[in-house]
Amino acid sequence: LLASRVCQAGGLGFIAAGHFRDLLALEREIDIFFQNQQEQLTNQTQTKQSQSQPQTQQQQGAVATDNDAHRSVAAINKLSIGFIGHSSLSTKEGWENYEYILRTYQPLAVQFFAPSIVYKHNDNFDNYHSKNKNDHNDETNVTMAKKYGTKFIAQVGSIQEAQEAMRHDVDAIICQGSEAGGHGLRRNLGNSTMALTSQVSRLIKSNCKTTASA
């Protein structure tokens, strides 16, 4: 409900998938989001219609049909979901559920942190923390999101992590320093949020957007 209200106010409201352990719970949250978005759009439409000239029954039916379509598109296009990288996609089931959400609901954006970039494993997910590139294929949480037309937002806590995100052509970067939480960040790699945001902004040479997280 909060995510929907933030969107109605002109912001980008995120539903928290968190560790992504309960797919049904996330879908319930998405349903609530859609319902609230549609109710708001219905109220706006009814207000506009009451202020306009009377219409014939046929015209009203056409408007209602158009409004239904616009409500559905608007609700889907505003949906954004946040994930914790190290746990959400640590299993084959996690990847399958992630792709299911992207394919079924086509969110406007997904946000990942701790870490922001996750590689899909070829076979053995027990070897999740392996540094051997042969244990991974080229697909990442970024490429999978882009396959379904979803924007990808990477939350980072260090210059190194920001550089990794930029190499994967993310759409936006959220900088969060150690004093602002720095989720999943080791202290020796940390930066203060504003200093980190300033440094990352100077590194970006594409259309990627940067913002600070307090």
Protein backbone atom coordinates (compact mmCIF):
# COMPACT_ATOMS: atom_id res chain seq x y z
CA LEU A 1 0.00 0.00 0.00
CA LEU A 2 2.85 2.40 0.83
CA ALA A 3 4.52 1.67 -2.53
CA SER A 4 1.29 2.52 -4.34
CA ARG A 5 0.80 5.77 -2.44
CA VAL A 6 4.39 6.83 -3.19
CA CYS A 7 3.74 6.22 -6.90
CA GLN A 8 0.53 8.25 -6.74
CA ALA A 9 2.51 11.12 -5.24
CA GLY A 10 4.87 11.05 -8.23
CA GLY A 11 7.67 8.96 -6.72
CA LEU A 12 8.91 5.44 -7.35
CA GLY A 13 7.48 3.17 -4.67
CA PHE A 14 9.11 -0.24 -4.17
CA ILE A 15 7.62 -3.47 -2.86
CA ALA A 16 10.22 -5.30 -0.78
CA ALA A 17 10.80 -8.87 -1.91
CA GLY A 18 13.69 -8.99 0.58
CA HIS A 19 15.23 -12.47 0.72
CA PHE A 20 12.53 -13.63 -1.72
CA ARG A 21 11.65 -16.76 0.27
CA ASP A 22 7.86 -16.51 -0.08
CA LEU A 23 6.63 -16.07 -3.66
CA LEU A 24 2.95 -16.12 -2.68
CA ALA A 25 3.47 -13.38 -0.10
CA LEU A 26 5.11 -11.19 -2.75
CA GLU A 27 2.26 -11.82 -5.16
CA ARG A 28 -0.24 -10.78 -2.48
CA GLU A 29 1.70 -7.53 -2.06
CA ILE A 30 1.64 -7.00 -5.83
CA ASP A 31 -2.13 -7.61 -5.92
CA ILE A 32 -2.65 -5.00 -3.20
CA PHE A 33 -0.49 -2.58 -5.17
CA PHE A 34 -2.50 -3.12 -8.37
CA GLN A 35 -5.84 -2.82 -6.58
CA ASN A 36 -4.86 0.43 -4.90
CA GLN A 37 -3.52 1.89 -8.15
CA GLN A 38 -6.69 0.94 -10.00
CA GLU A 39 -8.95 2.35 -7.28
CA GLN A 40 -7.11 5.65 -7.41
CA LEU A 41 -7.35 5.82 -11.21
CA THR A 42 -11.04 4.92 -11.08
CA ASN A 43 -11.71 7.73 -8.63
CA GLN A 44 -9.83 10.19 -10.82
CA THR A 45 -11.77 9.07 -13.91
CA GLN A 46 -15.13 9.35 -12.17
CA THR A 47 -14.26 12.85 -10.97
CA LYS A 48 -13.32 13.95 -14.49
CA GLN A 49 -16.47 12.41 -15.96
CA SER A 50 -18.71 14.16 -13.41
CA GLN A 51 -17.14 17.47 -14.39
CA SER A 52 -17.64 16.91 -18.15
CA GLN A 53 -20.78 17.13 -20.27
CA PRO A 54 -23.32 14.26 -20.18
CA GLN A 55 -22.51 11.40 -22.57
CA THR A 56 -24.63 8.84 -24.37
CA GLN A 57 -24.74 5.30 -22.99
CA GLN A 58 -22.63 4.08 -25.92
CA GLN A 59 -19.99 6.77 -25.32
CA GLN A 60 -19.89 5.93 -21.62
CA GLY A 61 -19.32 2.26 -22.43
CA ALA A 62 -16.42 3.13 -24.73
CA VAL A 63 -14.87 5.37 -22.09
CA ALA A 64 -15.21 2.65 -19.44
CA THR A 65 -13.45 0.13 -21.70
CA ASP A 66 -10.63 2.57 -22.41
CA ASN A 67 -10.30 3.39 -18.74
CA ASP A 68 -9.98 -0.28 -17.81
CA ALA A 69 -7.13 -0.66 -20.29
CA HIS A 70 -5.39 2.50 -19.09
CA ARG A 71 -5.73 1.44 -15.45
CA SER A 72 -4.12 -1.93 -16.14
CA VAL A 73 -1.21 -0.45 -18.08
CA ALA A 74 -0.62 2.31 -15.54
CA ALA A 75 -0.62 -0.11 -12.61
CA ILE A 76 1.88 -2.45 -14.28
CA ASN A 77 4.16 0.34 -15.47
CA LYS A 78 4.57 1.74 -11.94
CA LEU A 79 5.35 -1.56 -10.22
CA SER A 80 8.89 -1.72 -8.76
CA ILE A 81 10.38 -4.47 -6.57
CA GLY A 82 13.50 -4.61 -4.39
CA PHE A 83 15.62 -7.74 -3.77
CA ILE A 84 18.55 -8.75 -1.55
CA GLY A 85 21.01 -10.22 -4.04
CA HIS A 86 22.96 -12.79 -2.04
CA SER A 87 19.90 -14.67 -0.81
CA SER A 88 17.20 -14.02 -3.42
CA LEU A 89 19.11 -15.71 -6.25
CA SER A 90 21.21 -18.27 -4.39
CA THR A 91 19.12 -21.20 -5.64
CA LYS A 92 17.71 -22.48 -8.91
CA GLU A 93 14.22 -21.91 -7.52
CA GLY A 94 15.11 -18.30 -6.74
CA TRP A 95 16.08 -17.67 -10.36
CA GLU A 96 12.95 -19.40 -11.63
CA ASN A 97 10.76 -17.28 -9.33
CA TYR A 98 12.61 -14.11 -10.32
CA GLU A 99 11.97 -14.79 -14.01
CA TYR A 100 8.35 -15.68 -13.24
CA ILE A 101 7.83 -12.29 -11.56
CA LEU A 102 9.46 -10.47 -14.48
CA ARG A 103 7.48 -12.38 -17.09
CA THR A 104 4.12 -12.27 -15.30
CA TYR A 105 4.05 -8.75 -13.86
CA GLN A 106 6.56 -6.89 -16.07
CA PRO A 107 7.60 -4.40 -13.38
CA LEU A 108 8.86 -0.98 -14.33
CA ALA A 109 12.04 -1.54 -12.29
CA VAL A 110 13.83 -3.93 -9.96
CA GLN A 111 16.43 -2.93 -7.39
CA PHE A 112 19.18 -5.21 -6.05
CA PHE A 113 21.75 -4.79 -3.29
CA ALA A 114 24.18 -6.95 -1.30
CA PRO A 115 25.32 -7.55 -3.99
CA SER A 116 23.68 -5.62 -6.79
CA ILE A 117 24.99 -7.90 -9.58
CA VAL A 118 24.36 -11.64 -9.35
CA TYR A 119 25.49 -14.26 -11.87
CA LYS A 120 23.31 -17.23 -12.70
CA HIS A 121 25.07 -20.55 -12.07
CA ASN A 122 25.36 -23.17 -14.72
CA ASP A 123 24.46 -26.12 -12.53
CA ASN A 124 25.66 -26.46 -8.92
CA PHE A 125 24.18 -23.79 -6.66
CA ASP A 126 26.01 -25.27 -3.69
CA ASN A 127 29.07 -23.51 -5.13
CA TYR A 128 27.35 -20.13 -4.89
CA HIS A 129 30.33 -18.13 -3.61
CA SER A 130 32.83 -19.54 -6.09
CA LYS A 131 35.15 -17.04 -7.80
CA ASN A 132 35.73 -19.44 -10.72
CA LYS A 133 34.15 -17.96 -13.84
CA ASN A 134 33.62 -21.48 -15.21
CA ASP A 135 30.96 -21.96 -12.52
CA HIS A 136 28.80 -19.22 -14.02
CA ASN A 137 27.21 -18.47 -17.38
CA ASP A 138 26.84 -15.00 -18.90
CA GLU A 139 23.32 -14.43 -17.61
CA THR A 140 22.88 -12.08 -14.66
CA ASN A 141 19.97 -10.55 -12.80
CA VAL A 142 20.54 -7.50 -15.03
CA THR A 143 20.31 -9.31 -18.37
CA MET A 144 17.24 -11.22 -17.23
CA ALA A 145 15.48 -8.00 -16.20
CA LYS A 146 16.30 -6.30 -19.50
CA LYS A 147 15.01 -9.32 -21.41
CA TYR A 148 11.54 -8.48 -20.07
CA GLY A 149 11.87 -4.72 -20.54
CA THR A 150 12.40 -3.98 -16.84
CA LYS A 151 14.74 -1.21 -15.69
CA PHE A 152 17.55 -2.28 -13.35
CA ILE A 153 18.62 -0.22 -10.33
CA ALA A 154 21.81 -1.21 -8.50
CA GLN A 155 22.35 -0.15 -4.89
CA VAL A 156 26.07 0.06 -4.15
CA GLY A 157 28.24 0.82 -1.15
CA SER A 158 31.68 1.28 -2.70
CA ILE A 159 33.43 2.52 -5.84
CA GLN A 160 34.31 -1.06 -6.78
CA GLU A 161 30.70 -2.15 -6.63
CA ALA A 162 29.61 0.88 -8.64
CA GLN A 163 32.18 0.09 -11.33
CA GLU A 164 30.88 -3.48 -11.51
CA ALA A 165 27.32 -2.18 -11.90
CA MET A 166 28.35 0.18 -14.69
CA ARG A 167 30.06 -2.67 -16.55
CA HIS A 168 26.68 -4.40 -16.62
CA ASP A 169 24.96 -1.31 -18.05
CA VAL A 170 22.46 -0.79 -15.22
CA ASP A 171 19.87 1.95 -15.62
CA ALA A 172 20.45 3.68 -12.28
CA ILE A 173 22.74 3.48 -9.26
CA ILE A 174 21.79 4.18 -5.64
CA CYS A 175 24.79 5.04 -3.46
CA GLN A 176 24.61 4.13 0.21
CA GLY A 177 27.63 4.76 2.40
CA SER A 178 28.54 2.93 5.59
CA GLU A 179 26.98 5.59 7.85
CA ALA A 180 23.64 5.17 6.02
CA GLY A 181 23.50 1.42 6.59
CA GLY A 182 25.71 0.12 3.81
CA HIS A 183 23.76 -3.14 3.64
CA GLY A 184 26.13 -6.06 3.19
CA LEU A 185 29.19 -3.77 3.02
CA ARG A 186 32.45 -4.39 4.87
CA ARG A 187 33.62 -1.31 6.77
CA ASN A 188 37.04 -1.27 5.13
CA LEU A 189 35.39 -0.78 1.73
CA GLY A 190 32.98 1.92 2.84
CA ASN A 191 32.62 5.56 1.92
CA SER A 192 30.39 8.26 3.33
CA THR A 193 27.23 8.51 1.26
CA MET A 194 27.73 11.98 -0.22
CA ALA A 195 31.41 11.38 -1.00
CA LEU A 196 30.54 8.06 -2.62
CA THR A 197 27.74 9.64 -4.67
CA SER A 198 30.06 12.39 -5.87
CA GLN A 199 32.77 9.92 -6.92
CA VAL A 200 30.34 7.59 -8.69
CA SER A 201 28.71 10.50 -10.53
CA ARG A 202 32.09 11.47 -11.97
CA LEU A 203 32.70 7.90 -13.15
CA ILE A 204 29.45 7.56 -15.07
CA LYS A 205 29.73 8.19 -18.82
CA SER A 206 26.34 6.88 -19.96
CA ASN A 207 22.67 7.61 -19.39
CA CYS A 208 22.82 5.86 -16.02
CA LYS A 209 21.31 7.95 -13.18
CA THR A 210 22.82 8.28 -9.71
CA THR A 211 21.13 9.07 -6.41
CA ALA A 212 22.06 8.98 -2.73
CA SER A 213 20.38 6.84 -0.06
CA ALA A 214 20.22 8.27 3.46
